[in-house]
Protein backbone atom coordinates (compact mmCIF):
# COMPACT_ATOMS: atom_id res chain seq x y z
CA MET A 1 81.71 115.23 144.54
CA SER A 2 82.97 118.41 144.33
CA LYS A 3 82.10 120.27 140.36
CA GLU A 4 86.23 120.81 140.32
CA SER A 5 86.96 116.72 140.63
CA SER A 6 83.41 116.16 138.21
CA LYS A 7 84.62 117.68 135.84
CA SER A 8 88.49 116.43 135.26
CA ARG A 9 86.65 112.53 135.15
CA GLN A 10 84.32 113.13 132.04
CA PRO A 11 85.12 111.54 129.11
CA PRO A 12 87.40 113.66 126.46
CA PRO A 13 85.42 115.04 123.32
CA LYS A 14 84.64 113.53 120.34
CA LEU A 15 86.84 113.09 117.82
CA GLY A 16 86.93 113.29 114.32
CA VAL A 17 89.70 112.68 111.90
CA ILE A 18 89.76 113.92 108.24
CA VAL A 19 92.67 112.67 106.26
CA MET A 20 93.43 114.86 103.25
CA ALA A 21 93.65 111.87 100.07
CA ALA A 22 92.63 113.58 97.29
CA GLY A 23 95.82 114.68 95.62
CA LYS A 24 97.16 113.46 91.88
CA GLY A 25 100.73 113.52 92.77
CA THR A 26 102.24 114.80 89.56
CA ARG A 27 105.67 114.85 90.79
CA LEU A 28 105.71 110.90 91.00
CA LYS A 29 105.01 110.90 87.14
CA SER A 30 102.51 108.06 88.30
CA ARG A 31 98.60 106.87 86.98
CA ARG A 32 98.15 105.47 90.27
CA PRO A 33 96.50 107.48 93.14
CA LYS A 34 99.63 109.25 95.34
CA VAL A 35 97.96 108.08 98.62
CA LEU A 36 98.10 104.24 96.95
CA HIS A 37 101.69 104.12 96.74
CA GLU A 38 102.79 101.51 99.19
CA VAL A 39 105.78 101.89 101.67
CA GLY A 40 106.24 99.29 104.31
CA GLY A 41 104.40 96.22 102.23
CA LYS A 42 100.78 98.75 101.78
CA PRO A 43 99.48 102.34 100.99
CA LEU A 44 100.73 105.21 102.25
CA LEU A 45 96.93 105.74 103.08
CA SER A 46 96.48 102.89 105.19
CA HIS A 47 99.10 104.11 107.39
CA VAL A 48 97.63 107.08 108.52
CA ILE A 49 94.22 105.50 109.08
CA ALA A 50 96.02 102.93 110.92
CA THR A 51 97.46 104.98 112.40
CA ALA A 52 93.95 107.58 113.27
CA GLY A 53 92.28 104.52 114.01
CA ASP A 54 93.92 104.80 117.49
CA LEU A 55 92.61 108.06 118.89
CA ALA A 56 88.90 107.47 116.78
CA GLU A 57 86.12 105.06 115.70
CA SER A 58 86.61 104.30 112.12
CA GLU A 59 83.46 105.59 111.49
CA ASP A 60 84.81 109.12 112.30
CA ILE A 61 87.50 109.05 110.37
CA TYR A 62 86.68 110.50 106.85
CA ALA A 63 89.28 110.21 104.31
CA ILE A 64 87.99 113.11 101.60
CA ILE A 65 88.53 111.81 98.23
CA GLY A 66 89.32 113.08 94.71
CA HIS A 67 91.90 111.84 92.13
CA GLU A 68 91.29 108.39 91.30
CA ALA A 69 88.37 108.44 93.54
CA GLU A 70 86.75 104.94 93.04
CA ARG A 71 89.99 103.19 93.19
CA VAL A 72 90.99 104.87 96.55
CA ARG A 73 87.12 104.19 98.02
CA LYS A 74 88.01 100.90 96.18
CA ALA A 75 91.50 99.98 97.89
CA MET A 76 90.53 101.09 101.72
CA GLY A 77 87.12 100.14 101.24
CA GLY A 78 88.01 97.12 104.14
CA THR A 79 89.08 99.42 107.09
CA GLY A 80 85.69 100.41 107.63
CA VAL A 81 86.14 104.96 107.30
CA GLN A 82 83.98 106.77 105.67
CA PHE A 83 84.97 109.25 102.12
CA ILE A 84 83.89 112.92 101.28
CA GLU A 85 84.73 113.58 97.20
CA GLN A 86 86.55 116.66 96.22
CA ALA A 87 85.50 116.52 92.71
CA GLU A 88 87.46 119.64 92.17
CA GLN A 89 91.03 119.71 94.16
CA ARG A 90 90.81 123.16 95.21
CA GLY A 91 93.75 123.08 98.06
CA THR A 92 93.00 121.75 101.47
CA GLY A 93 90.95 124.58 103.15
CA HIS A 94 88.11 123.52 99.67
CA ALA A 95 88.86 120.04 100.79
CA ILE A 96 87.40 120.95 104.90
CA GLN A 97 84.58 123.13 102.80
CA CYS A 98 83.54 119.69 101.22
CA ALA A 99 83.07 118.34 104.65
CA ARG A 100 81.07 120.60 106.40
CA ASP A 101 78.60 118.31 106.61
CA SER A 102 80.55 115.59 108.14
CA ILE A 103 82.53 117.78 110.48
CA SER A 104 79.77 120.00 111.76
CA GLY A 105 78.24 117.88 114.68
CA TYR A 106 82.12 116.68 116.21
CA GLU A 107 83.57 119.65 119.37
CA HIS A 108 87.04 119.02 117.40
CA ILE A 109 88.27 117.49 114.56
CA LEU A 110 91.79 116.73 113.88
CA VAL A 111 93.45 117.04 109.77
CA LEU A 112 95.79 114.88 108.64
CA SER A 113 97.93 114.28 105.77
CA GLY A 114 96.86 110.68 103.77
CA ASP A 115 101.17 110.44 101.91
CA VAL A 116 102.62 110.75 105.49
CA PRO A 117 102.90 107.55 106.92
CA LEU A 118 105.37 107.88 109.95
CA ILE A 119 103.06 110.00 112.21
CA GLN A 120 102.96 108.32 115.48
CA ALA A 121 99.90 107.81 117.27
CA LYS A 122 101.31 109.14 120.55
CA THR A 123 102.31 112.38 118.81
CA LEU A 124 98.63 113.13 117.63
CA GLN A 125 97.58 112.25 121.23
CA HIS A 126 100.06 115.34 122.80
CA LEU A 127 98.79 117.44 119.83
CA MET A 128 95.24 116.93 121.55
CA THR A 129 96.11 116.90 124.91
CA LEU A 130 97.99 120.57 124.36
CA HIS A 131 94.56 121.36 121.78
CA LEU A 132 92.39 120.70 125.20
CA ALA A 133 94.27 121.68 127.38
CA GLU A 134 95.02 125.32 125.49
CA GLY A 135 91.49 125.71 124.89
CA ALA A 136 92.48 126.77 121.36
CA ALA A 137 90.93 126.93 118.47
CA MET A 138 93.31 125.65 115.90
CA THR A 139 96.79 123.70 117.00
CA ILE A 140 99.13 122.95 114.81
CA LEU A 141 101.93 119.84 114.90
CA THR A 142 105.23 121.40 113.43
CA ALA A 143 108.86 120.41 112.80
CA VAL A 144 112.41 121.35 112.68
CA PRO A 145 113.64 119.85 110.28
CA GLU A 146 117.56 119.59 109.12
CA ASP A 147 116.16 121.80 105.70
CA PRO A 148 113.77 123.89 106.04
CA THR A 149 113.97 125.27 102.31
CA GLY A 150 109.67 125.78 101.13
CA TYR A 151 107.72 124.97 103.74
CA GLY A 152 105.69 127.61 105.44
CA ARG A 153 107.54 129.30 108.83
CA ILE A 154 105.54 129.23 112.50
CA VAL A 155 105.85 132.56 114.26
CA ARG A 156 105.27 132.57 117.64
CA ARG A 157 103.99 134.99 120.03
CA SER A 158 107.31 133.76 122.65
CA PRO A 159 109.68 131.27 122.17
CA ASP A 160 109.13 129.43 125.16
CA ARG A 161 104.48 129.74 124.75
CA PRO A 162 102.52 127.56 122.29
CA GLU A 163 100.56 131.00 120.84
CA VAL A 164 101.16 131.01 116.83
CA GLU A 165 101.27 134.55 115.50
CA ALA A 166 100.99 133.65 112.33
CA ILE A 167 102.19 130.69 109.21
CA VAL A 168 103.92 132.99 106.91
CA GLU A 169 105.33 130.96 103.51
CA GLN A 170 109.07 131.50 102.76
CA LYS A 171 108.87 133.80 100.14
CA ALA A 172 106.82 135.48 102.55
CA LEU A 173 109.60 135.70 105.19
CA LYS A 174 111.01 139.08 106.78
CA SER A 175 114.43 139.55 107.31
CA GLU A 176 114.18 138.93 111.25
CA GLU A 177 111.73 136.11 110.70
CA GLN A 178 114.00 134.23 107.69
CA SER A 179 116.11 131.83 110.59
CA ILE A 180 113.00 130.44 112.00
CA GLY A 181 113.47 126.90 111.36
CA GLU A 182 110.11 125.72 113.08
CA ILE A 183 107.84 124.24 110.36
CA ASN A 184 104.23 123.51 109.75
CA SER A 185 103.90 120.29 109.56
CA GLY A 186 100.14 120.11 107.67
CA ILE A 187 98.96 118.64 110.50
CA TYR A 188 95.90 120.04 112.80
CA ALA A 189 93.24 119.28 115.19
CA PHE A 190 90.31 122.32 115.36
CA LYS A 191 87.99 123.56 117.52
CA VAL A 192 84.87 122.42 114.67
CA ALA A 193 82.89 125.46 115.98
CA PRO A 194 85.43 128.12 115.16
CA LEU A 195 86.71 126.80 112.31
CA LEU A 196 82.97 126.94 110.62
CA LYS A 197 82.53 130.36 110.98
CA PRO A 198 85.59 131.86 109.18
CA LEU A 199 85.61 128.83 106.29
CA ASP A 200 84.13 130.91 103.19
CA LYS A 201 86.08 133.61 103.82
CA LEU A 202 89.17 131.68 102.69
CA THR A 203 90.42 132.78 99.04
CA ASN A 204 92.16 131.65 96.40
CA LYS A 205 94.00 134.61 95.50
CA ASN A 206 97.55 132.80 95.23
CA ALA A 207 99.85 131.62 92.95
CA HIS A 208 98.02 128.22 92.32
CA GLY A 209 94.81 129.80 92.93
CA GLU A 210 93.82 127.44 95.95
CA PHE A 211 92.22 127.84 99.15
CA TYR A 212 94.77 126.90 101.91
CA LEU A 213 93.63 125.48 105.49
CA THR A 214 96.78 128.05 107.15
CA ASP A 215 94.94 130.76 105.71
CA MET A 216 92.75 130.07 108.94
CA ALA A 217 95.62 130.91 110.99
CA ALA A 218 95.16 134.32 109.59
CA HIS A 219 91.48 133.97 110.52
CA LEU A 220 90.91 132.53 113.85
CA ASN A 221 94.50 134.84 115.56
CA ALA A 222 91.97 137.91 113.97
CA ALA A 223 88.64 136.63 115.50
CA GLY A 224 90.46 136.36 118.92
CA GLU A 225 90.29 132.93 119.16
CA LYS A 226 93.56 131.07 120.50
CA VAL A 227 96.05 129.47 117.64
CA ALA A 228 98.04 127.43 119.49
CA ALA A 229 101.62 124.99 118.19
CA ILE A 230 103.77 121.78 119.57
CA LYS A 231 107.14 120.52 117.49
CA ALA A 232 106.67 116.58 116.76
CA PRO A 233 109.18 114.71 119.02
CA GLU A 234 111.14 113.92 115.26
CA ALA A 235 111.07 116.14 111.67
CA VAL A 236 110.71 112.41 109.83
CA GLU A 237 107.33 111.73 111.50
CA VAL A 238 105.76 114.78 108.88
CA LEU A 239 108.00 113.66 105.91
CA GLY A 240 105.55 112.90 102.36
CA ALA A 241 106.77 111.53 99.59
CA ASN A 242 106.51 113.89 96.21
CA THR A 243 108.80 112.24 94.30
CA ILE A 244 109.57 108.54 93.74
CA ALA A 245 112.55 108.61 94.89
CA GLU A 246 111.61 110.18 98.09
CA LEU A 247 108.84 107.52 98.73
CA VAL A 248 111.43 105.26 98.26
CA GLY A 249 113.55 107.25 101.49
CA LEU A 250 110.01 106.21 103.39
CA ASP A 251 110.24 102.84 102.93
CA ARG A 252 113.75 102.98 103.88
CA ARG A 253 112.80 104.21 106.97
CA LEU A 254 109.61 102.08 108.02
CA ARG A 255 111.37 98.89 107.29
CA THR A 256 114.41 100.24 109.26
CA ALA A 257 112.22 100.74 112.07
CA THR A 258 110.22 97.27 111.56
CA ALA A 259 113.46 95.96 111.60
CA ASN A 260 114.27 97.76 114.84
CA ARG A 261 111.68 96.85 116.58
CA LEU A 262 111.96 93.01 115.97
CA MET A 263 114.92 93.11 116.70
CA ALA A 264 114.51 94.43 120.32
CA SER A 265 111.95 91.76 120.79
CA GLY A 266 114.54 89.29 120.56
CA VAL A 267 114.68 88.17 116.72
CA THR A 268 117.73 87.79 115.03
CA ILE A 269 117.93 89.20 111.48
CA PHE A 270 121.31 89.11 110.30
CA ARG A 271 121.96 91.96 107.66
CA PRO A 272 119.07 93.48 108.23
CA GLU A 273 119.42 96.45 105.67
CA THR A 274 119.28 93.39 103.27
CA CYS A 275 115.14 92.19 104.12
CA VAL A 276 112.43 93.33 103.04
CA ILE A 277 109.85 93.00 105.90
CA ASP A 278 106.51 94.65 105.69
CA ALA A 279 105.54 97.09 109.03
CA GLU A 280 102.50 93.83 109.82
CA VAL A 281 105.08 91.18 109.77
CA GLU A 282 105.46 89.93 113.66
CA ILE A 283 108.14 87.54 114.65
CA GLU A 284 108.44 85.50 117.76
CA PRO A 285 111.24 85.46 119.92
CA ASP A 286 114.53 83.27 119.63
CA THR A 287 113.43 83.02 115.63
CA ILE A 288 116.81 84.05 113.05
CA ILE A 289 116.12 85.38 110.04
CA GLU A 290 118.92 85.16 107.20
CA PRO A 291 120.08 87.83 105.04
CA PHE A 292 118.15 88.21 101.63
CA VAL A 293 114.83 87.32 103.49
CA GLN A 294 111.40 89.10 102.02
CA LEU A 295 108.53 88.80 104.86
CA LEU A 296 105.05 90.81 103.52
CA GLY A 297 102.44 91.08 104.53
CA LYS A 298 99.99 90.68 107.97
CA THR A 299 102.98 86.97 107.61
CA LYS A 300 103.69 85.29 111.54
CA ILE A 301 106.58 83.79 112.51
CA GLY A 302 106.35 81.40 116.37
CA ILE A 303 109.41 81.33 118.15
CA GLU A 304 112.31 79.09 117.20
CA CYS A 305 112.14 79.11 113.61
CA ARG A 306 114.90 79.54 110.96
CA ILE A 307 114.30 81.07 107.61
CA ARG A 308 117.37 81.13 105.23
CA SER A 309 118.49 83.19 102.61
CA TYR A 310 116.34 84.09 99.65
CA SER A 311 113.36 83.02 100.86
CA VAL A 312 110.23 84.84 100.40
CA ILE A 313 107.50 84.67 102.16
CA GLU A 314 104.21 86.30 102.10
CA SER A 315 100.57 86.96 104.05
CA CYS A 316 101.58 83.25 105.94
CA THR A 317 101.77 81.78 109.32
CA LEU A 318 104.78 79.78 110.24
CA GLY A 319 104.12 78.18 113.51
CA ASN A 320 107.62 76.93 116.02
CA GLY A 321 110.77 75.21 115.20
CA VAL A 322 110.14 75.92 111.30
CA LEU A 323 112.42 75.37 109.37
CA ILE A 324 112.45 77.29 106.38
CA LEU A 325 115.92 76.56 103.68
CA GLN A 326 117.28 78.88 101.31
CA GLY A 327 115.21 79.88 97.98
CA CYS A 328 111.29 79.19 98.84
CA VAL A 329 108.29 80.68 98.36
CA LEU A 330 105.67 80.80 100.67
CA GLU A 331 101.90 82.55 100.48
CA GLU A 332 98.96 82.64 101.81
CA SER A 333 99.82 79.18 103.73
CA THR A 334 99.99 77.69 107.15
CA VAL A 335 103.28 75.76 108.32
CA ALA A 336 102.69 73.98 111.67
CA ASP A 337 105.36 73.69 114.15
CA GLY A 338 108.11 71.71 113.86
CA ALA A 339 107.84 71.28 109.71
CA ARG A 340 110.42 71.74 107.20
CA ILE A 341 110.13 73.10 103.81
CA GLY A 342 113.22 73.67 101.00
CA PRO A 343 115.00 74.52 99.37
CA LEU A 344 114.35 75.76 96.71
CA ALA A 345 110.01 75.09 97.44
CA HIS A 346 107.39 76.54 96.26
CA LEU A 347 104.00 76.42 98.85
CA ARG A 348 100.86 78.01 96.73
CA PRO A 349 97.69 79.71 98.72
CA GLY A 350 96.14 77.50 100.74
CA SER A 351 98.73 74.77 101.23
CA GLU A 352 98.68 73.54 105.31
CA ILE A 353 101.53 71.63 106.23
CA GLY A 354 101.48 69.81 109.16
CA GLN A 355 103.67 68.85 112.02
CA ASP A 356 107.19 67.97 111.25
CA ALA A 357 106.21 67.74 107.46
CA HIS A 358 108.49 67.60 104.91
CA VAL A 359 107.95 69.66 101.60
CA GLY A 360 111.71 69.34 99.91
CA ASN A 361 113.30 70.73 97.10
CA PHE A 362 111.09 71.88 93.37
CA VAL A 363 108.09 70.10 95.50
CA GLU A 364 104.81 72.85 94.36
CA THR A 365 102.10 72.53 96.77
CA LYS A 366 98.38 73.98 95.95
CA LYS A 367 95.41 73.94 98.02
CA VAL A 368 97.28 71.16 100.09
CA LYS A 369 96.46 69.66 103.80
CA LEU A 370 99.68 67.41 104.29
CA GLY A 371 99.47 65.88 107.72
CA LYS A 372 101.50 65.05 110.68
CA GLY A 373 105.27 63.98 109.61
CA ALA A 374 104.18 63.66 106.21
CA LYS A 375 106.80 63.75 103.40
CA ALA A 376 107.19 65.10 99.77
CA ASN A 377 110.97 65.29 99.50
CA HIS A 378 111.27 66.04 95.95
CA LEU A 379 110.07 67.68 92.16
CA THR A 380 106.45 66.82 93.10
CA TYR A 381 103.28 68.47 92.68
CA LEU A 382 100.88 68.30 95.12
CA GLY A 383 97.58 70.28 93.89
CA ASP A 384 93.55 70.46 95.94
CA ALA A 385 95.29 66.90 97.73
CA GLU A 386 94.39 65.70 101.38
CA VAL A 387 97.63 63.86 102.38
CA GLY A 388 97.26 61.93 105.57
CA ALA A 389 99.76 61.66 108.50
CA GLY A 390 103.00 59.34 108.17
CA SER A 391 102.59 59.46 104.18
CA ASN A 392 105.67 58.96 101.86
CA ILE A 393 105.42 60.76 98.24
CA GLY A 394 108.16 59.82 96.17
CA ALA A 395 109.23 62.19 93.45
CA GLY A 396 108.39 63.22 90.40
CA VAL A 397 104.95 62.42 91.96
CA ILE A 398 101.95 64.64 89.99
CA THR A 399 98.21 64.87 91.53
CA CYS A 400 96.34 65.38 88.13
CA ASN A 401 94.06 67.32 89.81
CA TYR A 402 92.39 69.71 86.77
CA ASP A 403 90.60 68.08 83.43
CA GLY A 404 90.38 71.03 81.65
CA VAL A 405 87.36 72.51 83.04
CA HIS A 406 87.02 71.72 87.07
CA LYS A 407 89.53 71.22 90.16
CA HIS A 408 89.26 67.58 91.41
CA LEU A 409 89.93 66.03 94.97
CA THR A 410 93.44 63.31 96.07
CA ARG A 411 92.83 61.76 99.01
CA ILE A 412 95.70 60.43 100.35
CA GLY A 413 95.63 58.25 103.49
CA GLN A 414 97.52 57.68 106.55
CA GLY A 415 100.92 56.13 105.94
CA ALA A 416 100.40 55.54 102.57
CA PHE A 417 103.64 55.37 99.83
CA VAL A 418 103.61 56.65 96.63
CA GLY A 419 106.54 55.34 94.65
CA SER A 420 108.49 58.01 91.99
CA ASP A 421 107.06 59.18 89.02
CA SER A 422 103.60 58.21 90.00
CA THR A 423 101.00 60.01 88.67
CA LEU A 424 97.69 60.70 90.56
CA VAL A 425 94.65 61.29 88.19
CA ALA A 426 91.56 63.26 89.87
CA PRO A 427 89.49 62.33 91.66
CA ILE A 428 90.47 59.42 93.26
CA GLU A 429 91.41 58.36 96.95
CA ILE A 430 94.41 56.19 98.03
CA GLY A 431 93.58 54.28 101.42
CA ASP A 432 95.91 54.04 104.71
CA GLY A 433 99.34 52.50 104.40
CA ALA A 434 98.66 51.66 100.75
CA TYR A 435 101.15 51.28 98.42
CA ILE A 436 101.52 52.69 94.67
CA GLY A 437 103.95 51.66 92.22
CA ALA A 438 106.61 53.68 91.00
CA GLY A 439 105.64 54.58 87.55
CA SER A 440 102.06 53.93 88.05
CA CYS A 441 99.46 56.27 86.54
CA ILE A 442 96.69 55.50 88.83
CA THR A 443 92.88 56.19 87.76
CA ARG A 444 91.11 54.41 89.68
CA ASN A 445 90.30 54.72 94.23
CA VAL A 446 92.81 52.24 95.99
CA PRO A 447 91.80 50.73 98.87
CA SER A 448 93.47 50.31 102.37
CA GLY A 449 96.31 47.74 102.54
CA ALA A 450 96.66 47.28 98.89
CA LEU A 451 99.26 47.21 95.79
CA ALA A 452 98.20 49.90 92.55
CA VAL A 453 100.95 49.12 89.92
CA GLY A 454 99.47 51.31 87.07
CA ARG A 455 102.02 50.64 84.12
CA SER A 456 102.20 48.74 80.92
CA ARG A 457 104.62 45.54 80.97
CA GLN A 458 108.07 45.59 80.46
CA VAL A 459 109.36 44.10 77.31
CA THR A 460 113.29 43.26 76.86
CA LYS A 461 114.81 41.87 73.81
CA GLU A 462 117.95 40.70 73.62
CA GLY A 463 120.12 41.50 70.74
CA TRP A 464 117.71 44.43 69.53
CA ALA A 465 120.48 47.11 69.99
CA GLU A 466 123.18 45.35 67.79
CA ALA A 467 121.13 44.41 65.11
CA ARG A 468 119.47 47.87 65.07
CA ARG A 469 123.85 48.85 64.72
CA THR A 470 123.77 46.12 62.11
CA ARG A 471 121.18 47.63 59.95
CA LYS A 472 122.18 50.86 59.99
CA GLU A 473 125.86 49.78 58.69
CA GLY A 474 124.95 48.26 56.08
CA GLN A 475 122.72 51.11 54.67
CA LYS A 476 125.77 53.10 54.30
């Protein structure tokens, strides 16, 4: 094998990723850390970490945290990334100084902003490809927005070449540079060895008294290293959020992109601009989403479902052919194929609705297993209960699951019939095929096939009402 072919098959160098997430976000006027503000249903930083995960293993991703560090650490704890604390937030250059020991073992690092959620993995791949191909010490991801006001500009050595001569802040632009529209995005690739050499040469002699990573371009050029640049396909990818209005704008873009992606895959979304669909929602083809629906969290919906208007579904799994009628609220529940929910039903966390089961209007469930074909169609509360296949739960039935200290389980067998306005005091078991008379208060187990009636005997006094009226008239 030739040296050239051997070299071409070498695996890419191991990549470290630094995510800048230490800032306060003063202009947001919020006590919450900037990177924990949500767009598209999850924090800004979560979006960036997820994208970084397409290029590097989680243990090679480092979030630099500072303001409300423990709060950010806790929120991102499940991602598997590493954390580096920047106790004093003294600029992006200072952040890299804080990360010196962590990055020294990598040949190359990628530096991302924790508040830029629209950045695409393929754009970062193109950045790294150019960086490696050019043998650059620093490669800058740039963009050309409609209005570059306020951004540092990229001065290239030649318009058609990647080499960068300088990054110039707007107020320092020369007259011949005023027309430059290419901006610095704040996203970079670095070769680590030449980055670390001049790292301590960064100074804070600027209006904000901070150490800026942008100054590294001048230091590397002075050292004879190559500084390159590549444009992002769309300027929106590098947009951050400094105000609540900008944050809402990013949210709108993300949700629009999610809706368009789902519709391109065969999902019908009527009036998508009225729907709130989080970025991690998955929907199979031939499902119909009506206007004013909210699909949140990690919701998954199967094929040929219909979600009618004003329903809110959060972190649920729906099978195929499920019908969710108007105004339902579902949370952390599962609904099997062919089930029908609503209108105006509430599935609380832990509800498992079986195949072809019905949960009707003003029915609330919590930690319930409703068997195949079972029905609870009206005005019912089922909490901490198991209901067998084919059972019918009448209107106004309540499982009394809480004694003030502990929750208790109600078990209802297959093919049982629970009459309207019955209360089942848990712990209790109703056997297969058993009947509960309407209006009963059931406190003891009911065997299979039995009838249980737990109500006081009716007393009828003929003529009582007329006698009462007569007495009242005589007292006037």
